[in-house]
Every structure is written in C-alpha cells, then in structure tokens.
C-alpha cells in the first residue's frame, strides 16, 4: 500500500461499485500469473463485462492497486495476497466486496499511520465524518467539497484537488452498501438514519478498528468514534449493537468494565484476519 510523497485528495469517481466488482472478478479469474491490461480488456469484451464499455481499464485497475488489492509485476497485474484473501472470503460475493472496499477506504489512512500525508482514504473518511455530523436534510455536494477542502488545510498542501466528482467517488460506495449508508435527499446527500449496522459491516470495521489497538477496541475512547464515522451511526446509537454483536460472535469477545472492550480472537476468513492486523502490517 505504498504511496508517493505527494498529497492526493481526489477519490476517483469512475471507480464505481459495478466496475470495481467486475474488474476484481476479472483479475481473479485470470489467476495468480496475472495479465497485461490489453489482455484484460480483451477478456472483458469476450465476457461482455461492464468493463467492456470503458476505453481502457487504467483508472479502475489503479484504484484496486491503491487499495492494496492489486499488484504489478512488470506490465502484468494480478491480485495481491490481500486481494486473494478477499476473493476467498467475504469478497466472494458482491455485497461482501463492496463492504470490504468501503472498509479499506475508511481505514487505510489510519492504518498507514502517517498523519502528515493526505490520501484518498483521508478524504473518504472526512466525507463520512461530515455526513455523520450533518443535518437530517443532508449536505449539498458543493458544501461537502468546501468542508473537505477546509479540513485539508491541516496538511498545508499547495493545492487541494477535491471536487464534486471526488464527492461522487465516495458517495457511490456509501450508497452501494447493504443497507445503504447514505442517500440522496433532494439535491443533498445525507446519512441514512435509524438503522442498525449490518453484521458484515460490523465484522469488517471492528476488525479494522482492532488493527489500530493491538487487537482490541476500548469502547470508552476514540475507537468508538472512529467506528461511528466508518458506519455513519452516532456513537451513542452504535454502542449497544457493537456490544451485542461482539458477545454473540465467534471471532470477537466482549470484556465488561466501563463501556467495555471488544477483543479480536480469531477468524477463519483470511481477509478478516488480515484486516485485523492491517495497522501493524503498515
């Protein structure tokens, strides 16, 4: 998941859930040996994949690479071990893949541990943060742009490249979750209120939070706020579902005391296991 030194704020709007899933499946089916982009484009046309509508696959493949799911060996691209783990586990189905991409986007910047360096993951989480604290009527895309650009002043970047298309790059994935985390309210975008998090989202985002806390999440501290931002559910509404999920899960345990602590124990899903160690691996 290495990055260049330059700040990058833009989240690609053309990396849509439909195209992301199609590209992920296509590269997985090619196998571990990988293939060059031209061969993938030919395979997409032969399979009448949605990717065949693209002039080229450069940006879609680059997004999978940025997420750590795709790697390159010369001109050939193939799934990384992280990507293979996703394909063999929760990402074997489209809803699981979409939940996993959202999870990586929401946590990658935190896992990498360089708070002085902006990335699309930082922008993604900032949009989530703004929607979480926003009014029921939602926030206009232009206002979201202004809020993200204002928050980006902390990086002292010469230029902050973040636009309405960047907002779309985030919101596309929020709306593609099951259930959706965001919705269109007139011309505004708002978080969906009054719903419990899905078990898949809780499973992945708890693992992501555990990666930052050496395998545990204290629900008394900032970790619950980070979970709230990634799931777009206020901390006070999220606490009980987290506790109930951890108590019933074979992968987590719950330790009472204060508001409690969630501990990652084990997982037979290789992707969940890798996510739980992502912060320590970065």
C-alpha atoms as a PDB file:
ATOM      1  CA  UNK A   1       0.000   0.000   0.000  1.00  0.00           C
ATOM      2  CA  UNK A   2       2.972   2.288  -0.525  1.00  0.00           C
ATOM      3  CA  UNK A   3       2.263   5.785  -1.800  1.00  0.00           C
ATOM      4  CA  UNK A   4       4.167   8.667  -3.327  1.00  0.00           C
ATOM      5  CA  UNK A   5       5.120  11.615  -1.144  1.00  0.00           C
ATOM      6  CA  UNK A   6       2.620  13.936  -2.828  1.00  0.00           C
ATOM      7  CA  UNK A   7      -0.729  14.644  -1.192  1.00  0.00           C
ATOM      8  CA  UNK A   8      -3.661  13.086  -3.037  1.00  0.00           C
ATOM      9  CA  UNK A   9      -7.184  14.130  -2.084  1.00  0.00           C
ATOM     10  CA  UNK A  10      -9.296  13.089  -5.081  1.00  0.00           C
ATOM     11  CA  UNK A  11     -11.302   9.850  -4.826  1.00  0.00           C
ATOM     12  CA  UNK A  12     -11.838   8.515  -8.346  1.00  0.00           C
ATOM     13  CA  UNK A  13     -15.488   8.819  -9.353  1.00  0.00           C
ATOM     14  CA  UNK A  14     -15.042   6.386 -12.244  1.00  0.00           C
ATOM     15  CA  UNK A  15     -14.136   3.584  -9.820  1.00  0.00           C
ATOM     16  CA  UNK A  16     -17.774   2.655  -9.317  1.00  0.00           C
ATOM     17  CA  UNK A  17     -19.023  -0.367  -7.340  1.00  0.00           C
ATOM     18  CA  UNK A  18     -20.172  -2.039 -10.566  1.00  0.00           C
ATOM     19  CA  UNK A  19     -16.852  -1.568 -12.359  1.00  0.00           C
ATOM     20  CA  UNK A  20     -14.800  -2.310  -9.249  1.00  0.00           C
ATOM     21  CA  UNK A  21     -16.529  -5.649  -8.757  1.00  0.00           C
ATOM     22  CA  UNK A  22     -16.267  -6.539 -12.456  1.00  0.00           C
ATOM     23  CA  UNK A  23     -12.532  -5.735 -12.511  1.00  0.00           C
ATOM     24  CA  UNK A  24     -11.882  -7.619  -9.281  1.00  0.00           C
ATOM     25  CA  UNK A  25     -13.632 -10.723 -10.623  1.00  0.00           C
ATOM     26  CA  UNK A  26     -11.861 -10.489 -13.972  1.00  0.00           C
ATOM     27  CA  UNK A  27      -8.376 -10.251 -12.444  1.00  0.00           C
ATOM     28  CA  UNK A  28      -9.194 -13.079 -10.024  1.00  0.00           C
ATOM     29  CA  UNK A  29     -10.312 -15.341 -12.869  1.00  0.00           C
ATOM     30  CA  UNK A  30      -7.125 -14.620 -14.823  1.00  0.00           C
ATOM     31  CA  UNK A  31      -5.196 -16.274 -11.979  1.00  0.00           C
ATOM     32  CA  UNK A  32      -2.060 -15.601  -9.977  1.00  0.00           C
ATOM     33  CA  UNK A  33       0.127 -15.272 -13.070  1.00  0.00           C
ATOM     34  CA  UNK A  34      -1.769 -12.094 -13.932  1.00  0.00           C
ATOM     35  CA  UNK A  35      -2.147 -10.435 -17.306  1.00  0.00           C
ATOM     36  CA  UNK A  36      -1.379  -7.170 -19.064  1.00  0.00           C
ATOM     37  CA  UNK A  37      -4.067  -4.514 -19.294  1.00  0.00           C
ATOM     38  CA  UNK A  38      -4.644  -5.175 -23.004  1.00  0.00           C
ATOM     39  CA  UNK A  39      -5.319  -8.860 -22.306  1.00  0.00           C
ATOM     40  CA  UNK A  40      -7.753  -7.927 -19.546  1.00  0.00           C
ATOM     41  CA  UNK A  41      -9.565  -5.573 -21.917  1.00  0.00           C
ATOM     42  CA  UNK A  42      -9.865  -8.386 -24.480  1.00  0.00           C
ATOM     43  CA  UNK A  43     -11.156 -10.745 -21.784  1.00  0.00           C
ATOM     44  CA  UNK A  44     -13.707  -8.145 -20.658  1.00  0.00           C
ATOM     45  CA  UNK A  45     -15.054  -7.804 -24.209  1.00  0.00           C
ATOM     46  CA  UNK A  46     -15.227 -11.577 -24.629  1.00  0.00           C
ATOM     47  CA  UNK A  47     -17.139 -11.960 -21.374  1.00  0.00           C
ATOM     48  CA  UNK A  48     -19.456  -8.996 -22.154  1.00  0.00           C
ATOM     49  CA  UNK A  49     -18.334  -7.490 -18.863  1.00  0.00           C
ATOM     50  CA  UNK A  50     -19.415  -3.948 -17.884  1.00  0.00           C
ATOM     51  CA  UNK A  51     -15.703  -3.163 -18.228  1.00  0.00           C
ATOM     52  CA  UNK A  52     -16.034  -3.540 -21.991  1.00  0.00           C
ATOM     53  CA  UNK A  53     -17.729  -0.130 -22.036  1.00  0.00           C
ATOM     54  CA  UNK A  54     -14.506   1.502 -20.844  1.00  0.00           C
ATOM     55  CA  UNK A  55     -11.993   2.829 -23.363  1.00  0.00           C
ATOM     56  CA  UNK A  56      -9.281   1.433 -21.096  1.00  0.00           C
ATOM     57  CA  UNK A  57      -9.052  -0.018 -17.600  1.00  0.00           C
ATOM     58  CA  UNK A  58      -6.211   2.142 -16.307  1.00  0.00           C
ATOM     59  CA  UNK A  59      -8.134   4.084 -13.662  1.00  0.00           C
ATOM     60  CA  UNK A  60     -10.193   1.150 -12.413  1.00  0.00           C
ATOM     61  CA  UNK A  61      -7.101  -1.039 -12.037  1.00  0.00           C
ATOM     62  CA  UNK A  62      -5.194   1.833 -10.421  1.00  0.00           C
ATOM     63  CA  UNK A  63      -7.932   2.155  -7.790  1.00  0.00           C
ATOM     64  CA  UNK A  64      -7.698  -1.555  -6.935  1.00  0.00           C
ATOM     65  CA  UNK A  65      -3.941  -1.108  -6.719  1.00  0.00           C
ATOM     66  CA  UNK A  66      -4.295   1.894  -4.394  1.00  0.00           C
ATOM     67  CA  UNK A  67      -6.473  -0.238  -2.119  1.00  0.00           C
ATOM     68  CA  UNK A  68      -3.771  -2.885  -1.934  1.00  0.00           C
ATOM     69  CA  UNK A  69      -5.911  -5.486  -3.734  1.00  0.00           C
ATOM     70  CA  UNK A  70      -3.953  -5.467  -6.995  1.00  0.00           C
ATOM     71  CA  UNK A  71      -0.216  -5.569  -7.664  1.00  0.00           C
ATOM     72  CA  UNK A  72       2.047  -5.315 -10.687  1.00  0.00           C
ATOM     73  CA  UNK A  73       4.937  -7.428 -11.916  1.00  0.00           C
ATOM     74  CA  UNK A  74       6.315  -5.549 -14.876  1.00  0.00           C
ATOM     75  CA  UNK A  75       3.311  -4.963 -17.144  1.00  0.00           C
ATOM     76  CA  UNK A  76       1.265  -7.813 -15.678  1.00  0.00           C
ATOM     77  CA  UNK A  77      -1.343  -7.154 -12.993  1.00  0.00           C
ATOM     78  CA  UNK A  78      -2.671  -9.716 -10.525  1.00  0.00           C
ATOM     79  CA  UNK A  79      -4.381  -9.828  -7.167  1.00  0.00           C
ATOM     80  CA  UNK A  80      -2.091  -9.355  -4.183  1.00  0.00           C
ATOM     81  CA  UNK A  81      -2.228 -11.763  -1.243  1.00  0.00           C
ATOM     82  CA  UNK A  82      -4.611  -9.225   0.336  1.00  0.00           C
ATOM     83  CA  UNK A  83      -6.797  -9.376  -2.776  1.00  0.00           C
ATOM     84  CA  UNK A  84      -6.641 -13.171  -2.902  1.00  0.00           C
ATOM     85  CA  UNK A  85      -7.735 -13.307   0.734  1.00  0.00           C
ATOM     86  CA  UNK A  86     -10.706 -11.063  -0.085  1.00  0.00           C
ATOM     87  CA  UNK A  87     -11.687 -13.229  -3.081  1.00  0.00           C
ATOM     88  CA  UNK A  88     -11.539 -16.400  -0.974  1.00  0.00           C
ATOM     89  CA  UNK A  89     -13.521 -14.926   1.914  1.00  0.00           C
ATOM     90  CA  UNK A  90     -16.080 -12.196   2.376  1.00  0.00           C
ATOM     91  CA  UNK A  91     -15.359 -10.824  -1.114  1.00  0.00           C
ATOM     92  CA  UNK A  92     -16.589 -13.957  -2.854  1.00  0.00           C
ATOM     93  CA  UNK A  93     -19.944 -12.160  -3.140  1.00  0.00           C
ATOM     94  CA  UNK A  94     -20.581  -8.680  -4.492  1.00  0.00           C
ATOM     95  CA  UNK A  95     -22.120  -7.329  -1.267  1.00  0.00           C
ATOM     96  CA  UNK A  96     -19.085  -8.522   0.687  1.00  0.00           C
ATOM     97  CA  UNK A  97     -16.705  -6.992  -1.849  1.00  0.00           C
ATOM     98  CA  UNK A  98     -18.470  -3.644  -1.592  1.00  0.00           C
ATOM     99  CA  UNK A  99     -18.372  -3.761   2.205  1.00  0.00           C
ATOM    100  CA  UNK A 100     -14.659  -4.590   2.074  1.00  0.00           C
ATOM    101  CA  UNK A 101     -13.825  -1.711  -0.294  1.00  0.00           C
ATOM    102  CA  UNK A 102     -15.713   0.698   1.962  1.00  0.00           C
ATOM    103  CA  UNK A 103     -13.815  -0.650   4.965  1.00  0.00           C
ATOM    104  CA  UNK A 104     -10.414  -0.247   3.304  1.00  0.00           C
ATOM    105  CA  UNK A 105     -11.214   3.265   2.113  1.00  0.00           C
ATOM    106  CA  UNK A 106     -12.438   4.268   5.574  1.00  0.00           C
ATOM    107  CA  UNK A 107      -9.438   2.892   7.496  1.00  0.00           C
ATOM    108  CA  UNK A 108      -6.423   2.767   5.177  1.00  0.00           C
ATOM    109  CA  UNK A 109      -5.186   6.267   6.034  1.00  0.00           C
ATOM    110  CA  UNK A 110      -5.329   5.427   9.739  1.00  0.00           C
ATOM    111  CA  UNK A 111      -3.577   2.085   9.231  1.00  0.00           C
ATOM    112  CA  UNK A 112      -0.733   3.731   7.351  1.00  0.00           C
ATOM    113  CA  UNK A 113      -0.014   5.919  10.353  1.00  0.00           C
ATOM    114  CA  UNK A 114       1.286   8.984   8.507  1.00  0.00           C
ATOM    115  CA  UNK A 115      -0.980  11.749   9.739  1.00  0.00           C
ATOM    116  CA  UNK A 116       1.006  14.358   7.761  1.00  0.00           C
ATOM    117  CA  UNK A 117       0.221  12.786   4.407  1.00  0.00           C
ATOM    118  CA  UNK A 118      -3.180  13.090   2.719  1.00  0.00           C
ATOM    119  CA  UNK A 119      -4.616  10.267   0.646  1.00  0.00           C
ATOM    120  CA  UNK A 120      -7.981   9.391  -0.936  1.00  0.00           C
ATOM    121  CA  UNK A 121      -8.661   7.381   2.212  1.00  0.00           C
ATOM    122  CA  UNK A 122      -8.345  10.545   4.310  1.00  0.00           C
ATOM    123  CA  UNK A 123     -10.824  12.328   2.012  1.00  0.00           C
ATOM    124  CA  UNK A 124     -13.194   9.354   2.100  1.00  0.00           C
ATOM    125  CA  UNK A 125     -13.260   9.338   5.903  1.00  0.00           C
ATOM    126  CA  UNK A 126     -13.642  13.124   6.010  1.00  0.00           C
ATOM    127  CA  UNK A 127     -16.768  12.907   3.835  1.00  0.00           C
ATOM    128  CA  UNK A 128     -18.110  10.213   6.177  1.00  0.00           C
ATOM    129  CA  UNK A 129     -17.338  12.439   9.169  1.00  0.00           C
ATOM    130  CA  UNK A 130     -19.143  15.393   7.648  1.00  0.00           C
ATOM    131  CA  UNK A 131     -22.209  13.307   6.776  1.00  0.00           C
ATOM    132  CA  UNK A 132     -22.297  11.806  10.263  1.00  0.00           C
ATOM    133  CA  UNK A 133     -22.421  15.241  11.877  1.00  0.00           C
ATOM    134  CA  UNK A 134     -24.638  16.785   9.177  1.00  0.00           C
ATOM    135  CA  UNK A 135     -28.319  17.726   9.490  1.00  0.00           C
ATOM    136  CA  UNK A 136     -31.210  15.389   8.550  1.00  0.00           C
ATOM    137  CA  UNK A 137     -31.725  17.418   5.369  1.00  0.00           C
ATOM    138  CA  UNK A 138     -28.207  16.463   4.297  1.00  0.00           C
ATOM    139  CA  UNK A 139     -25.394  18.482   2.760  1.00  0.00           C
ATOM    140  CA  UNK A 140     -25.073  19.726  -0.814  1.00  0.00           C
ATOM    141  CA  UNK A 141     -22.146  18.334  -2.798  1.00  0.00           C
ATOM    142  CA  UNK A 142     -20.611  21.792  -3.173  1.00  0.00           C
ATOM    143  CA  UNK A 143     -20.776  22.296   0.597  1.00  0.00           C
ATOM    144  CA  UNK A 144     -19.154  18.914   1.160  1.00  0.00           C
ATOM    145  CA  UNK A 145     -16.333  19.983  -1.162  1.00  0.00           C
ATOM    146  CA  UNK A 146     -15.830  23.190   0.824  1.00  0.00           C
ATOM    147  CA  UNK A 147     -15.840  21.318   4.140  1.00  0.00           C
ATOM    148  CA  UNK A 148     -13.288  18.768   2.956  1.00  0.00           C
ATOM    149  CA  UNK A 149     -11.050  21.463   1.458  1.00  0.00           C
ATOM    150  CA  UNK A 150     -11.260  23.420   4.712  1.00  0.00           C
ATOM    151  CA  UNK A 151     -10.304  20.353   6.761  1.00  0.00           C
ATOM    152  CA  UNK A 152      -7.439  19.670   4.333  1.00  0.00           C
ATOM    153  CA  UNK A 153      -5.782  22.932   5.374  1.00  0.00           C
ATOM    154  CA  UNK A 154      -4.200  20.884   8.163  1.00  0.00           C
ATOM    155  CA  UNK A 155      -1.845  19.367   5.567  1.00  0.00           C
ATOM    156  CA  UNK A 156      -0.516  22.729   4.324  1.00  0.00           C
ATOM    157  CA  UNK A 157      -0.785  21.433   0.762  1.00  0.00           C
ATOM    158  CA  UNK A 158      -0.108  23.885  -2.066  1.00  0.00           C
ATOM    159  CA  UNK A 159      -3.280  22.739  -3.795  1.00  0.00           C
ATOM    160  CA  UNK A 160      -6.213  20.611  -2.682  1.00  0.00           C
ATOM    161  CA  UNK A 161      -7.680  18.766  -5.669  1.00  0.00           C
ATOM    162  CA  UNK A 162     -11.125  17.777  -4.412  1.00  0.00           C
ATOM    163  CA  UNK A 163     -14.342  18.406  -6.330  1.00  0.00           C
ATOM    164  CA  UNK A 164     -17.926  17.276  -6.776  1.00  0.00           C
ATOM    165  CA  UNK A 165     -16.621  14.301  -8.764  1.00  0.00           C
ATOM    166  CA  UNK A 166     -14.467  13.427  -5.740  1.00  0.00           C
ATOM    167  CA  UNK A 167     -17.597  13.505  -3.566  1.00  0.00           C
ATOM    168  CA  UNK A 168     -19.273  11.173  -6.058  1.00  0.00           C
ATOM    169  CA  UNK A 169     -16.301   8.829  -5.757  1.00  0.00           C
ATOM    170  CA  UNK A 170     -17.092   8.459  -2.049  1.00  0.00           C
ATOM    171  CA  UNK A 171     -20.897   8.571  -2.131  1.00  0.00           C
ATOM    172  CA  UNK A 172     -21.108   5.895  -4.838  1.00  0.00           C
ATOM    173  CA  UNK A 173     -19.667   3.393  -2.359  1.00  0.00           C
ATOM    174  CA  UNK A 174     -21.706   4.625   0.607  1.00  0.00           C
ATOM    175  CA  UNK A 175     -24.925   4.172  -1.357  1.00  0.00           C
ATOM    176  CA  UNK A 176     -23.794   0.732  -2.574  1.00  0.00           C
ATOM    177  CA  UNK A 177     -23.588  -0.731   0.929  1.00  0.00           C
ATOM    178  CA  UNK A 178     -26.226  -3.168   2.191  1.00  0.00           C
ATOM    179  CA  UNK A 179     -28.079  -1.406   3.694  1.00  0.00           C
ATOM    180  CA  UNK A 180     -27.063   1.915   2.118  1.00  0.00           C
ATOM    181  CA  UNK A 181     -25.144   4.267   4.426  1.00  0.00           C
ATOM    182  CA  UNK A 182     -26.079   7.437   2.517  1.00  0.00           C
ATOM    183  CA  UNK A 183     -28.977   8.635   0.404  1.00  0.00           C
ATOM    184  CA  UNK A 184     -29.988  11.480  -1.851  1.00  0.00           C
ATOM    185  CA  UNK A 185     -32.334  13.972  -0.148  1.00  0.00           C
ATOM    186  CA  UNK A 186     -33.405  16.366  -2.876  1.00  0.00           C
ATOM    187  CA  UNK A 187     -30.135  17.846  -4.082  1.00  0.00           C
ATOM    188  CA  UNK A 188     -28.361  16.980  -0.829  1.00  0.00           C
ATOM    189  CA  UNK A 189     -26.590  13.890   0.442  1.00  0.00           C
ATOM    190  CA  UNK A 190     -27.441  12.601   3.907  1.00  0.00           C
ATOM    191  CA  UNK A 191     -26.576   9.614   6.031  1.00  0.00           C
ATOM    192  CA  UNK A 192     -29.358   7.066   6.404  1.00  0.00           C
ATOM    193  CA  UNK A 193     -30.758   7.393   9.922  1.00  0.00           C
ATOM    194  CA  UNK A 194     -32.396   4.969  12.308  1.00  0.00           C
ATOM    195  CA  UNK A 195     -30.852   1.723  11.096  1.00  0.00           C
ATOM    196  CA  UNK A 196     -28.592  -0.833  12.740  1.00  0.00           C
ATOM    197  CA  UNK A 197     -25.275  -1.692  11.087  1.00  0.00           C
ATOM    198  CA  UNK A 198     -25.210  -4.836   9.004  1.00  0.00           C
ATOM    199  CA  UNK A 199     -23.352  -7.837  10.523  1.00  0.00           C
ATOM    200  CA  UNK A 200     -20.867  -7.811   7.634  1.00  0.00           C
ATOM    201  CA  UNK A 201     -20.077  -4.118   8.125  1.00  0.00           C
ATOM    202  CA  UNK A 202     -19.667  -4.569  11.881  1.00  0.00           C
ATOM    203  CA  UNK A 203     -17.461  -7.599  11.379  1.00  0.00           C
ATOM    204  CA  UNK A 204     -15.086  -5.818   8.989  1.00  0.00           C
ATOM    205  CA  UNK A 205     -14.999  -2.419  10.655  1.00  0.00           C
ATOM    206  CA  UNK A 206     -14.474  -3.915  14.104  1.00  0.00           C
ATOM    207  CA  UNK A 207     -11.510  -5.847  12.697  1.00  0.00           C
ATOM    208  CA  UNK A 208     -10.204  -2.614  11.171  1.00  0.00           C
ATOM    209  CA  UNK A 209     -10.514  -0.800  14.495  1.00  0.00           C
ATOM    210  CA  UNK A 210      -8.814  -3.685  16.315  1.00  0.00           C
ATOM    211  CA  UNK A 211      -5.860  -3.300  13.937  1.00  0.00           C
ATOM    212  CA  UNK A 212      -5.208   0.132  15.448  1.00  0.00           C
ATOM    213  CA  UNK A 213      -5.441  -1.094  19.040  1.00  0.00           C
ATOM    214  CA  UNK A 214      -3.250  -4.187  19.053  1.00  0.00           C
ATOM    215  CA  UNK A 215      -6.255  -6.433  18.647  1.00  0.00           C
ATOM    216  CA  UNK A 216      -8.743  -4.649  20.884  1.00  0.00           C
ATOM    217  CA  UNK A 217     -11.166  -1.740  20.844  1.00  0.00           C
ATOM    218  CA  UNK A 218     -11.941   0.198  24.010  1.00  0.00           C
ATOM    219  CA  UNK A 219     -15.488   1.491  23.744  1.00  0.00           C
ATOM    220  CA  UNK A 220     -14.658   4.241  26.252  1.00  0.00           C
ATOM    221  CA  UNK A 221     -12.236   6.008  23.933  1.00  0.00           C
ATOM    222  CA  UNK A 222     -11.785   7.404  20.440  1.00  0.00           C
ATOM    223  CA  UNK A 223     -12.103   3.972  18.821  1.00  0.00           C
ATOM    224  CA  UNK A 224     -15.901   4.037  19.115  1.00  0.00           C
ATOM    225  CA  UNK A 225     -15.905   7.459  17.422  1.00  0.00           C
ATOM    226  CA  UNK A 226     -13.806   6.057  14.570  1.00  0.00           C
ATOM    227  CA  UNK A 227     -16.219   3.144  14.224  1.00  0.00           C
ATOM    228  CA  UNK A 228     -19.123   5.600  14.213  1.00  0.00           C
ATOM    229  CA  UNK A 229     -17.527   7.556  11.360  1.00  0.00           C
ATOM    230  CA  UNK A 230     -16.945   4.429   9.271  1.00  0.00           C
ATOM    231  CA  UNK A 231     -20.504   3.149   9.808  1.00  0.00           C
ATOM    232  CA  UNK A 232     -22.207   6.585   9.751  1.00  0.00           C
ATOM    233  CA  UNK A 233     -24.019   5.845  13.017  1.00  0.00           C
ATOM    234  CA  UNK A 234     -23.619   8.138  16.065  1.00  0.00           C
ATOM    235  CA  UNK A 235     -21.517   6.597  18.886  1.00  0.00           C
ATOM    236  CA  UNK A 236     -24.390   6.518  21.384  1.00  0.00           C
ATOM    237  CA  UNK A 237     -26.565   4.627  18.886  1.00  0.00           C
ATOM    238  CA  UNK A 238     -23.726   2.309  17.856  1.00  0.00           C
ATOM    239  CA  UNK A 239     -22.512   1.196  21.290  1.00  0.00           C
ATOM    240  CA  UNK A 240     -25.228  -1.375  22.030  1.00  0.00           C
ATOM    241  CA  UNK A 241     -25.173  -3.060  18.583  1.00  0.00           C
ATOM    242  CA  UNK A 242     -21.372  -3.379  18.900  1.00  0.00           C
ATOM    243  CA  UNK A 243     -21.642  -4.942  22.359  1.00  0.00           C
ATOM    244  CA  UNK A 244     -24.382  -7.369  21.295  1.00  0.00           C
ATOM    245  CA  UNK A 245     -22.517  -8.343  18.146  1.00  0.00           C
ATOM    246  CA  UNK A 246     -19.245  -8.975  19.998  1.00  0.00           C
ATOM    247  CA  UNK A 247     -20.982 -11.071  22.657  1.00  0.00           C
ATOM    248  CA  UNK A 248     -22.609 -13.298  20.030  1.00  0.00           C
ATOM    249  CA  UNK A 249     -19.601 -13.543  17.700  1.00  0.00           C
ATOM    250  CA  UNK A 250     -17.142 -16.420  17.496  1.00  0.00           C
ATOM    251  CA  UNK A 251     -14.499 -14.001  16.192  1.00  0.00           C
ATOM    252  CA  UNK A 252     -14.697 -11.399  18.971  1.00  0.00           C
ATOM    253  CA  UNK A 253     -15.132 -11.350  22.710  1.00  0.00           C
ATOM    254  CA  UNK A 254     -16.505  -8.623  24.964  1.00  0.00           C
ATOM    255  CA  UNK A 255     -14.820  -7.638  28.234  1.00  0.00           C
ATOM    256  CA  UNK A 256     -17.034  -5.685  30.676  1.00  0.00           C
ATOM    257  CA  UNK A 257     -15.776  -2.626  32.539  1.00  0.00           C
ATOM    258  CA  UNK A 258     -16.758   0.959  31.834  1.00  0.00           C
ATOM    259  CA  UNK A 259     -18.352   0.837  28.389  1.00  0.00           C
ATOM    260  CA  UNK A 260     -16.411  -2.340  27.718  1.00  0.00           C
ATOM    261  CA  UNK A 261     -13.705  -3.582  25.365  1.00  0.00           C
ATOM    262  CA  UNK A 262     -14.019  -5.666  22.210  1.00  0.00           C
ATOM    263  CA  UNK A 263     -11.162  -8.115  21.560  1.00  0.00           C
ATOM    264  CA  UNK A 264     -10.430  -9.825  18.262  1.00  0.00           C
ATOM    265  CA  UNK A 265      -9.922 -13.539  18.942  1.00  0.00           C
ATOM    266  CA  UNK A 266      -9.726 -15.448  15.677  1.00  0.00           C
ATOM    267  CA  UNK A 267     -11.188 -15.781  12.183  1.00  0.00           C
ATOM    268  CA  UNK A 268     -11.343 -18.481   9.551  1.00  0.00           C
ATOM    269  CA  UNK A 269     -11.765 -15.747   6.921  1.00  0.00           C
ATOM    270  CA  UNK A 270      -8.282 -14.810   5.678  1.00  0.00           C
ATOM    271  CA  UNK A 271      -9.380 -11.294   4.724  1.00  0.00           C
ATOM    272  CA  UNK A 272     -10.878 -10.522   8.143  1.00  0.00           C
ATOM    273  CA  UNK A 273      -7.669 -11.845   9.707  1.00  0.00           C
ATOM    274  CA  UNK A 274      -5.523  -9.608   7.505  1.00  0.00           C
ATOM    275  CA  UNK A 275      -7.689  -6.572   8.225  1.00  0.00           C
ATOM    276  CA  UNK A 276      -7.345  -7.185  11.966  1.00  0.00           C
ATOM    277  CA  UNK A 277      -3.565  -6.909  11.503  1.00  0.00           C
ATOM    278  CA  UNK A 278      -3.556  -4.127   8.902  1.00  0.00           C
ATOM    279  CA  UNK A 279      -2.344  -1.351  11.189  1.00  0.00           C
ATOM    280  CA  UNK A 280       0.504  -3.460  12.470  1.00  0.00           C
ATOM    281  CA  UNK A 281       1.390  -4.527   8.925  1.00  0.00           C
ATOM    282  CA  UNK A 282       1.555  -0.969   7.519  1.00  0.00           C
END
